[in-house]
Amino acid sequence: MAIPTASDHTNGDIGLEKQSHPSPIAFAHVVLRTTEDNFKPMVDFYVDMLQAEVISEAEEFSMLRYDFEHHRIAIVKMPQATPQEARLFTAGLEHTAYTHATLTDLAKTYRALKEREKSITPLWCVNHGMTTSIYYRDPDGNKVELQVDNFDTSEGADTFMRGPLFISNPIGTDFDPDEWSGEILSKMREDGSEGLSAEEVRRIKTRKEIGARSRVPGFVYGLAN
Protein backbone atom coordinates (compact mmCIF):
# COMPACT_ATOMS: atom_id res chain seq x y z
CA MET A 1 0.00 0.00 0.00
CA ALA A 2 1.37 3.37 -1.01
CA ILE A 3 1.67 5.96 1.73
CA PRO A 4 -0.36 9.10 0.89
CA THR A 5 1.60 12.30 0.36
CA ALA A 6 0.63 15.95 0.22
CA SER A 7 0.21 15.72 -3.55
CA ASP A 8 -2.48 13.06 -3.08
CA HIS A 9 -4.68 15.41 -1.05
CA THR A 10 -5.09 18.84 -2.56
CA ASN A 11 -7.59 21.41 -1.38
CA GLY A 12 -8.84 21.76 -4.93
CA ASP A 13 -10.12 18.19 -4.81
CA ILE A 14 -12.85 19.22 -2.35
CA GLY A 15 -13.61 22.68 -3.66
CA LEU A 16 -11.82 24.75 -1.02
CA GLU A 17 -10.69 27.99 -2.63
CA LYS A 18 -10.04 30.82 -0.18
CA GLN A 19 -8.11 29.66 2.88
CA SER A 20 -6.13 31.50 5.52
CA HIS A 21 -3.78 28.53 5.97
CA PRO A 22 -3.25 25.00 4.57
CA SER A 23 -5.55 22.12 5.45
CA PRO A 24 -4.05 18.90 6.87
CA ILE A 25 -3.28 16.18 4.33
CA ALA A 26 -4.87 13.40 6.41
CA PHE A 27 -6.54 12.45 9.68
CA ALA A 28 -3.83 10.72 11.73
CA HIS A 29 -5.18 8.94 14.80
CA VAL A 30 -7.65 8.93 17.67
CA VAL A 31 -6.83 8.52 21.37
CA LEU A 32 -9.37 6.99 23.75
CA ARG A 33 -9.31 7.24 27.53
CA THR A 34 -10.51 4.21 29.47
CA THR A 35 -10.75 2.87 33.01
CA GLU A 36 -8.30 0.45 34.61
CA ASP A 37 -10.86 -2.35 34.40
CA ASN A 38 -11.59 -1.80 30.72
CA PHE A 39 -8.05 -1.20 29.47
CA LYS A 40 -7.40 -4.76 28.26
CA PRO A 41 -10.96 -5.31 26.94
CA MET A 42 -10.67 -2.07 24.95
CA VAL A 43 -7.33 -3.06 23.43
CA ASP A 44 -8.63 -6.55 22.61
CA PHE A 45 -11.79 -5.12 21.03
CA TYR A 46 -9.96 -2.85 18.60
CA VAL A 47 -7.33 -5.49 17.79
CA ASP A 48 -10.13 -7.93 16.94
CA MET A 49 -12.44 -5.54 15.13
CA LEU A 50 -9.80 -3.86 12.98
CA GLN A 51 -7.38 -6.81 12.79
CA ALA A 52 -4.86 -4.36 14.17
CA GLU A 53 -1.47 -4.97 15.73
CA VAL A 54 -0.13 -3.51 18.96
CA ILE A 55 2.85 -1.47 17.80
CA SER A 56 3.79 -0.09 21.23
CA GLU A 57 2.53 -0.80 24.73
CA ALA A 58 3.28 0.29 28.28
CA GLU A 59 1.46 0.02 31.59
CA GLU A 60 -0.64 3.12 30.89
CA PHE A 61 -1.21 2.96 27.11
CA SER A 62 -1.37 0.81 24.00
CA MET A 63 -0.86 2.01 20.40
CA LEU A 64 -2.46 0.13 17.52
CA ARG A 65 -2.13 0.23 13.76
CA TYR A 66 -3.76 -1.59 10.84
CA ASP A 67 -2.13 0.15 7.86
CA PHE A 68 0.93 2.23 6.91
CA GLU A 69 0.57 4.76 9.76
CA HIS A 70 2.76 4.28 12.84
CA HIS A 71 -0.43 4.24 14.94
CA ARG A 72 -4.10 4.86 14.25
CA ILE A 73 -5.57 4.31 17.72
CA ALA A 74 -4.15 4.78 21.19
CA ILE A 75 -5.86 3.45 24.30
CA VAL A 76 -4.86 5.30 27.48
CA LYS A 77 -5.60 3.91 30.94
CA MET A 78 -6.64 6.60 33.43
CA PRO A 79 -7.50 5.65 37.04
CA GLN A 80 -9.65 8.80 37.26
CA ALA A 81 -11.78 7.90 34.22
CA THR A 82 -15.50 7.31 34.81
CA PRO A 83 -17.65 4.80 32.92
CA GLN A 84 -19.35 5.94 29.71
CA GLU A 85 -22.86 5.41 31.11
CA ALA A 86 -22.42 8.36 33.45
CA ARG A 87 -21.87 10.80 30.55
CA LEU A 88 -23.87 9.26 27.70
CA PHE A 89 -25.61 12.50 26.79
CA THR A 90 -22.77 14.93 27.35
CA ALA A 91 -21.19 16.78 24.43
CA GLY A 92 -18.19 15.11 22.82
CA LEU A 93 -17.16 12.53 20.26
CA GLU A 94 -20.11 10.76 18.61
CA HIS A 95 -18.29 7.90 16.89
CA THR A 96 -15.26 6.90 14.85
CA ALA A 97 -15.53 5.25 11.41
CA TYR A 98 -13.32 2.88 9.44
CA THR A 99 -13.65 2.14 5.71
CA HIS A 100 -13.37 -1.29 4.10
CA ALA A 101 -12.40 -1.74 0.46
CA THR A 102 -15.31 -3.90 -0.71
CA LEU A 103 -18.74 -5.18 0.26
CA THR A 104 -17.19 -8.63 0.67
CA ASP A 105 -14.57 -7.35 3.11
CA LEU A 106 -17.25 -5.66 5.22
CA ALA A 107 -19.52 -8.73 5.09
CA LYS A 108 -16.65 -11.04 6.08
CA THR A 109 -15.85 -8.76 9.00
CA TYR A 110 -19.47 -8.72 10.17
CA ARG A 111 -19.70 -12.51 9.97
CA ALA A 112 -16.34 -13.13 11.67
CA LEU A 113 -17.14 -10.80 14.57
CA LYS A 114 -20.57 -12.35 15.04
CA GLU A 115 -19.31 -15.94 14.95
CA ARG A 116 -16.28 -15.55 17.23
CA GLU A 117 -16.39 -17.19 20.68
CA LYS A 118 -17.30 -13.91 22.37
CA SER A 119 -19.69 -12.64 19.73
CA ILE A 120 -19.53 -8.97 18.74
CA THR A 121 -22.87 -7.96 17.25
CA PRO A 122 -23.93 -4.69 15.63
CA LEU A 123 -25.81 -1.88 17.29
CA TRP A 124 -27.22 -0.57 13.99
CA CYS A 125 -26.95 -1.47 10.30
CA VAL A 126 -27.89 1.30 7.87
CA ASN A 127 -27.31 2.37 4.29
CA HIS A 128 -26.72 6.11 4.57
CA GLY A 129 -26.67 6.49 0.80
CA MET A 130 -23.03 7.46 0.44
CA THR A 131 -21.92 4.55 2.67
CA THR A 132 -23.17 1.17 3.80
CA SER A 133 -22.48 1.20 7.53
CA ILE A 134 -22.46 -1.20 10.47
CA TYR A 135 -22.23 0.35 13.94
CA TYR A 136 -20.89 -1.30 17.09
CA ARG A 137 -20.18 -0.29 20.68
CA ASP A 138 -16.77 -0.84 22.23
CA PRO A 139 -16.42 -1.99 25.88
CA ASP A 140 -16.61 1.64 27.06
CA GLY A 141 -19.76 2.34 25.07
CA ASN A 142 -18.12 4.38 22.30
CA LYS A 143 -19.75 3.85 18.92
CA VAL A 144 -17.61 2.47 16.09
CA GLU A 145 -18.72 2.51 12.45
CA LEU A 146 -17.42 0.02 9.88
CA GLN A 147 -18.36 1.11 6.38
CA VAL A 148 -17.86 0.74 2.66
CA ASP A 149 -18.21 3.64 0.24
CA ASN A 150 -21.23 3.34 -2.05
CA PHE A 151 -19.79 5.60 -4.75
CA ASP A 152 -16.60 5.07 -6.73
CA THR A 153 -15.68 8.75 -6.54
CA SER A 154 -15.98 11.54 -4.01
CA GLU A 155 -17.82 13.54 -6.68
CA GLY A 156 -20.54 10.90 -6.81
CA ALA A 157 -20.96 10.99 -3.04
CA ASP A 158 -20.95 14.80 -3.05
CA THR A 159 -23.70 14.88 -5.68
CA PHE A 160 -25.83 12.45 -3.68
CA MET A 161 -25.37 14.36 -0.42
CA ARG A 162 -26.41 17.62 -2.08
CA GLY A 163 -29.39 16.02 -3.78
CA PRO A 164 -33.07 15.71 -2.81
CA LEU A 165 -32.93 12.10 -1.58
CA PHE A 166 -30.29 12.86 1.07
CA ILE A 167 -31.89 16.17 2.00
CA SER A 168 -35.17 14.31 2.63
CA ASN A 169 -33.48 11.42 4.44
CA PRO A 170 -29.99 12.18 5.78
CA ILE A 171 -30.19 9.23 8.20
CA GLY A 172 -30.53 6.27 5.84
CA THR A 173 -32.34 2.97 5.42
CA ASP A 174 -31.81 0.14 7.91
CA PHE A 175 -30.96 -3.34 6.63
CA ASP A 176 -30.79 -6.91 7.93
CA PRO A 177 -27.08 -7.78 8.22
CA ASP A 178 -27.61 -11.55 7.98
CA GLU A 179 -29.61 -11.30 4.76
CA TRP A 180 -27.22 -8.67 3.39
CA SER A 181 -24.03 -10.58 4.21
CA GLY A 182 -25.52 -13.89 3.08
CA GLU A 183 -26.09 -12.63 -0.44
CA ILE A 184 -22.64 -11.07 -0.67
CA LEU A 185 -20.71 -14.02 0.75
CA SER A 186 -22.58 -16.52 -1.42
CA LYS A 187 -20.72 -14.96 -4.37
CA MET A 188 -17.32 -14.74 -2.67
CA ARG A 189 -14.44 -16.28 -4.63
CA GLU A 190 -12.39 -19.16 -3.20
CA ASP A 191 -9.53 -16.81 -2.36
CA GLY A 192 -11.89 -14.62 -0.30
CA SER A 193 -12.07 -11.76 -2.78
CA GLU A 194 -15.18 -10.05 -4.11
CA GLY A 195 -17.20 -12.26 -6.43
CA LEU A 196 -20.08 -9.88 -7.09
CA SER A 197 -20.54 -8.50 -10.57
CA ALA A 198 -20.37 -4.74 -11.08
CA GLU A 199 -24.15 -4.71 -11.53
CA GLU A 200 -24.68 -6.63 -8.27
CA VAL A 201 -22.37 -4.27 -6.40
CA ARG A 202 -24.33 -1.26 -7.67
CA ARG A 203 -27.65 -2.85 -6.73
CA ILE A 204 -26.59 -3.80 -3.21
CA LYS A 205 -24.96 -0.43 -2.55
CA THR A 206 -27.91 1.59 -3.84
CA ARG A 207 -30.03 2.76 -0.92
CA LYS A 208 -33.64 1.59 -0.80
CA GLU A 209 -35.62 4.80 -0.46
CA ILE A 210 -38.17 4.97 2.37
CA GLY A 211 -39.16 8.61 2.21
CA ALA A 212 -38.37 11.34 4.72
CA ARG A 213 -36.37 10.43 7.83
CA SER A 214 -34.72 13.02 10.05
CA ARG A 215 -33.85 11.27 13.32
CA VAL A 216 -31.49 8.49 14.32
CA PRO A 217 -33.43 5.61 15.96
CA GLY A 218 -33.67 5.89 19.72
CA PHE A 219 -32.16 2.43 20.30
CA VAL A 220 -28.84 3.71 18.96
CA TYR A 221 -28.68 5.87 22.11
CA GLY A 222 -30.24 3.32 24.43
CA LEU A 223 -33.68 4.94 24.24
CA ALA A 224 -37.08 3.62 23.22
CA ASN A 225 -37.99 4.51 19.63
C-alpha atoms as a PDB file:
ATOM      1  CA  MET A   1       0.000   0.000   0.000  1.00  0.00           C
ATOM      2  CA  ALA A   2       1.368   3.365  -1.008  1.00  0.00           C
ATOM      3  CA  ILE A   3       1.667   5.964   1.733  1.00  0.00           C
ATOM      4  CA  PRO A   4      -0.360   9.102   0.886  1.00  0.00           C
ATOM      5  CA  THR A   5       1.595  12.296   0.364  1.00  0.00           C
ATOM      6  CA  ALA A   6       0.632  15.955   0.225  1.00  0.00           C
ATOM      7  CA  SER A   7       0.207  15.721  -3.552  1.00  0.00           C
ATOM      8  CA  ASP A   8      -2.477  13.059  -3.084  1.00  0.00           C
ATOM      9  CA  HIS A   9      -4.676  15.412  -1.046  1.00  0.00           C
ATOM     10  CA  THR A  10      -5.090  18.841  -2.564  1.00  0.00           C
ATOM     11  CA  ASN A  11      -7.594  21.412  -1.379  1.00  0.00           C
ATOM     12  CA  GLY A  12      -8.837  21.756  -4.931  1.00  0.00           C
ATOM     13  CA  ASP A  13     -10.122  18.192  -4.807  1.00  0.00           C
ATOM     14  CA  ILE A  14     -12.850  19.223  -2.346  1.00  0.00           C
ATOM     15  CA  GLY A  15     -13.609  22.677  -3.658  1.00  0.00           C
ATOM     16  CA  LEU A  16     -11.819  24.753  -1.024  1.00  0.00           C
ATOM     17  CA  GLU A  17     -10.688  27.990  -2.631  1.00  0.00           C
ATOM     18  CA  LYS A  18     -10.044  30.816  -0.175  1.00  0.00           C
ATOM     19  CA  GLN A  19      -8.113  29.663   2.876  1.00  0.00           C
ATOM     20  CA  SER A  20      -6.126  31.502   5.517  1.00  0.00           C
ATOM     21  CA  HIS A  21      -3.783  28.528   5.971  1.00  0.00           C
ATOM     22  CA  PRO A  22      -3.248  25.000   4.572  1.00  0.00           C
ATOM     23  CA  SER A  23      -5.552  22.117   5.450  1.00  0.00           C
ATOM     24  CA  PRO A  24      -4.050  18.897   6.870  1.00  0.00           C
ATOM     25  CA  ILE A  25      -3.275  16.181   4.332  1.00  0.00           C
ATOM     26  CA  ALA A  26      -4.872  13.395   6.412  1.00  0.00           C
ATOM     27  CA  PHE A  27      -6.545  12.453   9.683  1.00  0.00           C
ATOM     28  CA  ALA A  28      -3.826  10.717  11.727  1.00  0.00           C
ATOM     29  CA  HIS A  29      -5.177   8.939  14.802  1.00  0.00           C
ATOM     30  CA  VAL A  30      -7.652   8.926  17.669  1.00  0.00           C
ATOM     31  CA  VAL A  31      -6.831   8.523  21.369  1.00  0.00           C
ATOM     32  CA  LEU A  32      -9.374   6.995  23.748  1.00  0.00           C
ATOM     33  CA  ARG A  33      -9.308   7.237  27.528  1.00  0.00           C
ATOM     34  CA  THR A  34     -10.510   4.214  29.466  1.00  0.00           C
ATOM     35  CA  THR A  35     -10.751   2.871  33.007  1.00  0.00           C
ATOM     36  CA  GLU A  36      -8.297   0.453  34.605  1.00  0.00           C
ATOM     37  CA  ASP A  37     -10.857  -2.354  34.400  1.00  0.00           C
ATOM     38  CA  ASN A  38     -11.588  -1.796  30.717  1.00  0.00           C
ATOM     39  CA  PHE A  39      -8.048  -1.198  29.467  1.00  0.00           C
ATOM     40  CA  LYS A  40      -7.397  -4.761  28.262  1.00  0.00           C
ATOM     41  CA  PRO A  41     -10.957  -5.306  26.936  1.00  0.00           C
ATOM     42  CA  MET A  42     -10.671  -2.071  24.955  1.00  0.00           C
ATOM     43  CA  VAL A  43      -7.331  -3.061  23.426  1.00  0.00           C
ATOM     44  CA  ASP A  44      -8.626  -6.551  22.608  1.00  0.00           C
ATOM     45  CA  PHE A  45     -11.788  -5.115  21.033  1.00  0.00           C
ATOM     46  CA  TYR A  46      -9.957  -2.851  18.601  1.00  0.00           C
ATOM     47  CA  VAL A  47      -7.334  -5.491  17.789  1.00  0.00           C
ATOM     48  CA  ASP A  48     -10.135  -7.934  16.945  1.00  0.00           C
ATOM     49  CA  MET A  49     -12.445  -5.540  15.125  1.00  0.00           C
ATOM     50  CA  LEU A  50      -9.805  -3.858  12.982  1.00  0.00           C
ATOM     51  CA  GLN A  51      -7.384  -6.810  12.789  1.00  0.00           C
ATOM     52  CA  ALA A  52      -4.857  -4.361  14.168  1.00  0.00           C
ATOM     53  CA  GLU A  53      -1.469  -4.967  15.734  1.00  0.00           C
ATOM     54  CA  VAL A  54      -0.133  -3.512  18.961  1.00  0.00           C
ATOM     55  CA  ILE A  55       2.850  -1.475  17.802  1.00  0.00           C
ATOM     56  CA  SER A  56       3.795  -0.091  21.233  1.00  0.00           C
ATOM     57  CA  GLU A  57       2.531  -0.800  24.731  1.00  0.00           C
ATOM     58  CA  ALA A  58       3.279   0.287  28.280  1.00  0.00           C
ATOM     59  CA  GLU A  59       1.462   0.020  31.587  1.00  0.00           C
ATOM     60  CA  GLU A  60      -0.642   3.116  30.888  1.00  0.00           C
ATOM     61  CA  PHE A  61      -1.209   2.959  27.108  1.00  0.00           C
ATOM     62  CA  SER A  62      -1.374   0.811  23.998  1.00  0.00           C
ATOM     63  CA  MET A  63      -0.855   2.010  20.401  1.00  0.00           C
ATOM     64  CA  LEU A  64      -2.464   0.125  17.522  1.00  0.00           C
ATOM     65  CA  ARG A  65      -2.135   0.232  13.759  1.00  0.00           C
ATOM     66  CA  TYR A  66      -3.756  -1.588  10.843  1.00  0.00           C
ATOM     67  CA  ASP A  67      -2.126   0.148   7.859  1.00  0.00           C
ATOM     68  CA  PHE A  68       0.927   2.234   6.912  1.00  0.00           C
ATOM     69  CA  GLU A  69       0.566   4.763   9.758  1.00  0.00           C
ATOM     70  CA  HIS A  70       2.763   4.283  12.844  1.00  0.00           C
ATOM     71  CA  HIS A  71      -0.428   4.236  14.939  1.00  0.00           C
ATOM     72  CA  ARG A  72      -4.101   4.863  14.252  1.00  0.00           C
ATOM     73  CA  ILE A  73      -5.574   4.313  17.719  1.00  0.00           C
ATOM     74  CA  ALA A  74      -4.150   4.783  21.190  1.00  0.00           C
ATOM     75  CA  ILE A  75      -5.863   3.452  24.304  1.00  0.00           C
ATOM     76  CA  VAL A  76      -4.864   5.304  27.476  1.00  0.00           C
ATOM     77  CA  LYS A  77      -5.604   3.914  30.939  1.00  0.00           C
ATOM     78  CA  MET A  78      -6.641   6.596  33.434  1.00  0.00           C
ATOM     79  CA  PRO A  79      -7.495   5.654  37.040  1.00  0.00           C
ATOM     80  CA  GLN A  80      -9.654   8.802  37.260  1.00  0.00           C
ATOM     81  CA  ALA A  81     -11.778   7.897  34.224  1.00  0.00           C
ATOM     82  CA  THR A  82     -15.500   7.311  34.810  1.00  0.00           C
ATOM     83  CA  PRO A  83     -17.652   4.799  32.920  1.00  0.00           C
ATOM     84  CA  GLN A  84     -19.354   5.942  29.709  1.00  0.00           C
ATOM     85  CA  GLU A  85     -22.857   5.410  31.114  1.00  0.00           C
ATOM     86  CA  ALA A  86     -22.422   8.360  33.446  1.00  0.00           C
ATOM     87  CA  ARG A  87     -21.871  10.797  30.548  1.00  0.00           C
ATOM     88  CA  LEU A  88     -23.873   9.258  27.703  1.00  0.00           C
ATOM     89  CA  PHE A  89     -25.611  12.501  26.793  1.00  0.00           C
ATOM     90  CA  THR A  90     -22.773  14.935  27.347  1.00  0.00           C
ATOM     91  CA  ALA A  91     -21.193  16.777  24.428  1.00  0.00           C
ATOM     92  CA  GLY A  92     -18.191  15.108  22.818  1.00  0.00           C
ATOM     93  CA  LEU A  93     -17.156  12.529  20.256  1.00  0.00           C
ATOM     94  CA  GLU A  94     -20.109  10.758  18.615  1.00  0.00           C
ATOM     95  CA  HIS A  95     -18.290   7.898  16.885  1.00  0.00           C
ATOM     96  CA  THR A  96     -15.261   6.898  14.854  1.00  0.00           C
ATOM     97  CA  ALA A  97     -15.527   5.255  11.415  1.00  0.00           C
ATOM     98  CA  TYR A  98     -13.320   2.877   9.436  1.00  0.00           C
ATOM     99  CA  THR A  99     -13.652   2.142   5.714  1.00  0.00           C
ATOM    100  CA  HIS A 100     -13.367  -1.291   4.103  1.00  0.00           C
ATOM    101  CA  ALA A 101     -12.404  -1.739   0.462  1.00  0.00           C
ATOM    102  CA  THR A 102     -15.312  -3.902  -0.711  1.00  0.00           C
ATOM    103  CA  LEU A 103     -18.739  -5.185   0.262  1.00  0.00           C
ATOM    104  CA  THR A 104     -17.189  -8.625   0.668  1.00  0.00           C
ATOM    105  CA  ASP A 105     -14.571  -7.353   3.114  1.00  0.00           C
ATOM    106  CA  LEU A 106     -17.251  -5.661   5.222  1.00  0.00           C
ATOM    107  CA  ALA A 107     -19.523  -8.726   5.094  1.00  0.00           C
ATOM    108  CA  LYS A 108     -16.649 -11.039   6.076  1.00  0.00           C
ATOM    109  CA  THR A 109     -15.849  -8.755   9.000  1.00  0.00           C
ATOM    110  CA  TYR A 110     -19.474  -8.716  10.173  1.00  0.00           C
ATOM    111  CA  ARG A 111     -19.697 -12.515   9.974  1.00  0.00           C
ATOM    112  CA  ALA A 112     -16.340 -13.134  11.675  1.00  0.00           C
ATOM    113  CA  LEU A 113     -17.143 -10.802  14.571  1.00  0.00           C
ATOM    114  CA  LYS A 114     -20.574 -12.351  15.036  1.00  0.00           C
ATOM    115  CA  GLU A 115     -19.306 -15.940  14.954  1.00  0.00           C
ATOM    116  CA  ARG A 116     -16.280 -15.546  17.228  1.00  0.00           C
ATOM    117  CA  GLU A 117     -16.387 -17.194  20.679  1.00  0.00           C
ATOM    118  CA  LYS A 118     -17.300 -13.909  22.373  1.00  0.00           C
ATOM    119  CA  SER A 119     -19.694 -12.636  19.733  1.00  0.00           C
ATOM    120  CA  ILE A 120     -19.532  -8.966  18.740  1.00  0.00           C
ATOM    121  CA  THR A 121     -22.873  -7.964  17.249  1.00  0.00           C
ATOM    122  CA  PRO A 122     -23.931  -4.692  15.632  1.00  0.00           C
ATOM    123  CA  LEU A 123     -25.806  -1.880  17.286  1.00  0.00           C
ATOM    124  CA  TRP A 124     -27.220  -0.566  13.992  1.00  0.00           C
ATOM    125  CA  CYS A 125     -26.949  -1.472  10.302  1.00  0.00           C
ATOM    126  CA  VAL A 126     -27.888   1.302   7.870  1.00  0.00           C
ATOM    127  CA  ASN A 127     -27.315   2.372   4.289  1.00  0.00           C
ATOM    128  CA  HIS A 128     -26.716   6.108   4.574  1.00  0.00           C
ATOM    129  CA  GLY A 129     -26.671   6.492   0.804  1.00  0.00           C
ATOM    130  CA  MET A 130     -23.030   7.464   0.442  1.00  0.00           C
ATOM    131  CA  THR A 131     -21.925   4.550   2.669  1.00  0.00           C
ATOM    132  CA  THR A 132     -23.167   1.165   3.799  1.00  0.00           C
ATOM    133  CA  SER A 133     -22.480   1.199   7.534  1.00  0.00           C
ATOM    134  CA  ILE A 134     -22.464  -1.201  10.470  1.00  0.00           C
ATOM    135  CA  TYR A 135     -22.226   0.348  13.944  1.00  0.00           C
ATOM    136  CA  TYR A 136     -20.892  -1.304  17.092  1.00  0.00           C
ATOM    137  CA  ARG A 137     -20.177  -0.289  20.682  1.00  0.00           C
ATOM    138  CA  ASP A 138     -16.766  -0.843  22.226  1.00  0.00           C
ATOM    139  CA  PRO A 139     -16.424  -1.989  25.876  1.00  0.00           C
ATOM    140  CA  ASP A 140     -16.610   1.638  27.057  1.00  0.00           C
ATOM    141  CA  GLY A 141     -19.764   2.341  25.065  1.00  0.00           C
ATOM    142  CA  ASN A 142     -18.119   4.384  22.299  1.00  0.00           C
ATOM    143  CA  LYS A 143     -19.749   3.848  18.919  1.00  0.00           C
ATOM    144  CA  VAL A 144     -17.614   2.468  16.092  1.00  0.00           C
ATOM    145  CA  GLU A 145     -18.718   2.510  12.449  1.00  0.00           C
ATOM    146  CA  LEU A 146     -17.421   0.023   9.882  1.00  0.00           C
ATOM    147  CA  GLN A 147     -18.355   1.114   6.377  1.00  0.00           C
ATOM    148  CA  VAL A 148     -17.861   0.740   2.660  1.00  0.00           C
ATOM    149  CA  ASP A 149     -18.209   3.641   0.242  1.00  0.00           C
ATOM    150  CA  ASN A 150     -21.226   3.342  -2.051  1.00  0.00           C
ATOM    151  CA  PHE A 151     -19.793   5.601  -4.751  1.00  0.00           C
ATOM    152  CA  ASP A 152     -16.605   5.067  -6.730  1.00  0.00           C
ATOM    153  CA  THR A 153     -15.676   8.747  -6.545  1.00  0.00           C
ATOM    154  CA  SER A 154     -15.984  11.543  -4.012  1.00  0.00           C
ATOM    155  CA  GLU A 155     -17.817  13.545  -6.677  1.00  0.00           C
ATOM    156  CA  GLY A 156     -20.537  10.902  -6.810  1.00  0.00           C
ATOM    157  CA  ALA A 157     -20.955  10.990  -3.038  1.00  0.00           C
ATOM    158  CA  ASP A 158     -20.952  14.799  -3.049  1.00  0.00           C
ATOM    159  CA  THR A 159     -23.698  14.877  -5.678  1.00  0.00           C
ATOM    160  CA  PHE A 160     -25.834  12.450  -3.680  1.00  0.00           C
ATOM    161  CA  MET A 161     -25.372  14.361  -0.419  1.00  0.00           C
ATOM    162  CA  ARG A 162     -26.411  17.619  -2.083  1.00  0.00           C
ATOM    163  CA  GLY A 163     -29.392  16.015  -3.785  1.00  0.00           C
ATOM    164  CA  PRO A 164     -33.068  15.709  -2.814  1.00  0.00           C
ATOM    165  CA  LEU A 165     -32.926  12.099  -1.578  1.00  0.00           C
ATOM    166  CA  PHE A 166     -30.293  12.863   1.066  1.00  0.00           C
ATOM    167  CA  ILE A 167     -31.892  16.173   2.002  1.00  0.00           C
ATOM    168  CA  SER A 168     -35.165  14.312   2.632  1.00  0.00           C
ATOM    169  CA  ASN A 169     -33.484  11.422   4.438  1.00  0.00           C
ATOM    170  CA  PRO A 170     -29.989  12.183   5.777  1.00  0.00           C
ATOM    171  CA  ILE A 171     -30.191   9.230   8.199  1.00  0.00           C
ATOM    172  CA  GLY A 172     -30.530   6.274   5.839  1.00  0.00           C
ATOM    173  CA  THR A 173     -32.342   2.971   5.422  1.00  0.00           C
ATOM    174  CA  ASP A 174     -31.807   0.137   7.910  1.00  0.00           C
ATOM    175  CA  PHE A 175     -30.965  -3.340   6.627  1.00  0.00           C
ATOM    176  CA  ASP A 176     -30.789  -6.914   7.931  1.00  0.00           C
ATOM    177  CA  PRO A 177     -27.083  -7.780   8.216  1.00  0.00           C
ATOM    178  CA  ASP A 178     -27.614 -11.546   7.980  1.00  0.00           C
ATOM    179  CA  GLU A 179     -29.608 -11.303   4.765  1.00  0.00           C
ATOM    180  CA  TRP A 180     -27.216  -8.670   3.388  1.00  0.00           C
ATOM    181  CA  SER A 181     -24.028 -10.583   4.208  1.00  0.00           C
ATOM    182  CA  GLY A 182     -25.521 -13.894   3.085  1.00  0.00           C
ATOM    183  CA  GLU A 183     -26.091 -12.629  -0.441  1.00  0.00           C
ATOM    184  CA  ILE A 184     -22.638 -11.068  -0.667  1.00  0.00           C
ATOM    185  CA  LEU A 185     -20.711 -14.020   0.751  1.00  0.00           C
ATOM    186  CA  SER A 186     -22.585 -16.523  -1.420  1.00  0.00           C
ATOM    187  CA  LYS A 187     -20.724 -14.964  -4.367  1.00  0.00           C
ATOM    188  CA  MET A 188     -17.321 -14.744  -2.671  1.00  0.00           C
ATOM    189  CA  ARG A 189     -14.440 -16.278  -4.625  1.00  0.00           C
ATOM    190  CA  GLU A 190     -12.389 -19.161  -3.204  1.00  0.00           C
ATOM    191  CA  ASP A 191      -9.530 -16.806  -2.360  1.00  0.00           C
ATOM    192  CA  GLY A 192     -11.893 -14.624  -0.297  1.00  0.00           C
ATOM    193  CA  SER A 193     -12.070 -11.762  -2.779  1.00  0.00           C
ATOM    194  CA  GLU A 194     -15.183 -10.048  -4.108  1.00  0.00           C
ATOM    195  CA  GLY A 195     -17.205 -12.257  -6.433  1.00  0.00           C
ATOM    196  CA  LEU A 196     -20.082  -9.882  -7.088  1.00  0.00           C
ATOM    197  CA  SER A 197     -20.542  -8.497 -10.568  1.00  0.00           C
ATOM    198  CA  ALA A 198     -20.372  -4.738 -11.082  1.00  0.00           C
ATOM    199  CA  GLU A 199     -24.149  -4.708 -11.530  1.00  0.00           C
ATOM    200  CA  GLU A 200     -24.678  -6.633  -8.269  1.00  0.00           C
ATOM    201  CA  VAL A 201     -22.369  -4.265  -6.398  1.00  0.00           C
ATOM    202  CA  ARG A 202     -24.328  -1.262  -7.672  1.00  0.00           C
ATOM    203  CA  ARG A 203     -27.654  -2.845  -6.729  1.00  0.00           C
ATOM    204  CA  ILE A 204     -26.593  -3.797  -3.207  1.00  0.00           C
ATOM    205  CA  LYS A 205     -24.961  -0.433  -2.548  1.00  0.00           C
ATOM    206  CA  THR A 206     -27.915   1.588  -3.837  1.00  0.00           C
ATOM    207  CA  ARG A 207     -30.028   2.759  -0.917  1.00  0.00           C
ATOM    208  CA  LYS A 208     -33.642   1.592  -0.797  1.00  0.00           C
ATOM    209  CA  GLU A 209     -35.618   4.798  -0.461  1.00  0.00           C
ATOM    210  CA  ILE A 210     -38.175   4.971   2.369  1.00  0.00           C
ATOM    211  CA  GLY A 211     -39.159   8.614   2.207  1.00  0.00           C
ATOM    212  CA  ALA A 212     -38.372  11.336   4.715  1.00  0.00           C
ATOM    213  CA  ARG A 213     -36.371  10.434   7.833  1.00  0.00           C
ATOM    214  CA  SER A 214     -34.722  13.018  10.053  1.00  0.00           C
ATOM    215  CA  ARG A 215     -33.847  11.265  13.316  1.00  0.00           C
ATOM    216  CA  VAL A 216     -31.486   8.485  14.319  1.00  0.00           C
ATOM    217  CA  PRO A 217     -33.434   5.609  15.956  1.00  0.00           C
ATOM    218  CA  GLY A 218     -33.669   5.888  19.725  1.00  0.00           C
ATOM    219  CA  PHE A 219     -32.165   2.434  20.301  1.00  0.00           C
ATOM    220  CA  VAL A 220     -28.836   3.710  18.962  1.00  0.00           C
ATOM    221  CA  TYR A 221     -28.681   5.870  22.108  1.00  0.00           C
ATOM    222  CA  GLY A 222     -30.240   3.315  24.427  1.00  0.00           C
ATOM    223  CA  LEU A 223     -33.682   4.935  24.239  1.00  0.00           C
ATOM    224  CA  ALA A 224     -37.075   3.625  23.219  1.00  0.00           C
ATOM    225  CA  ASN A 225     -37.994   4.508  19.631  1.00  0.00           C
END
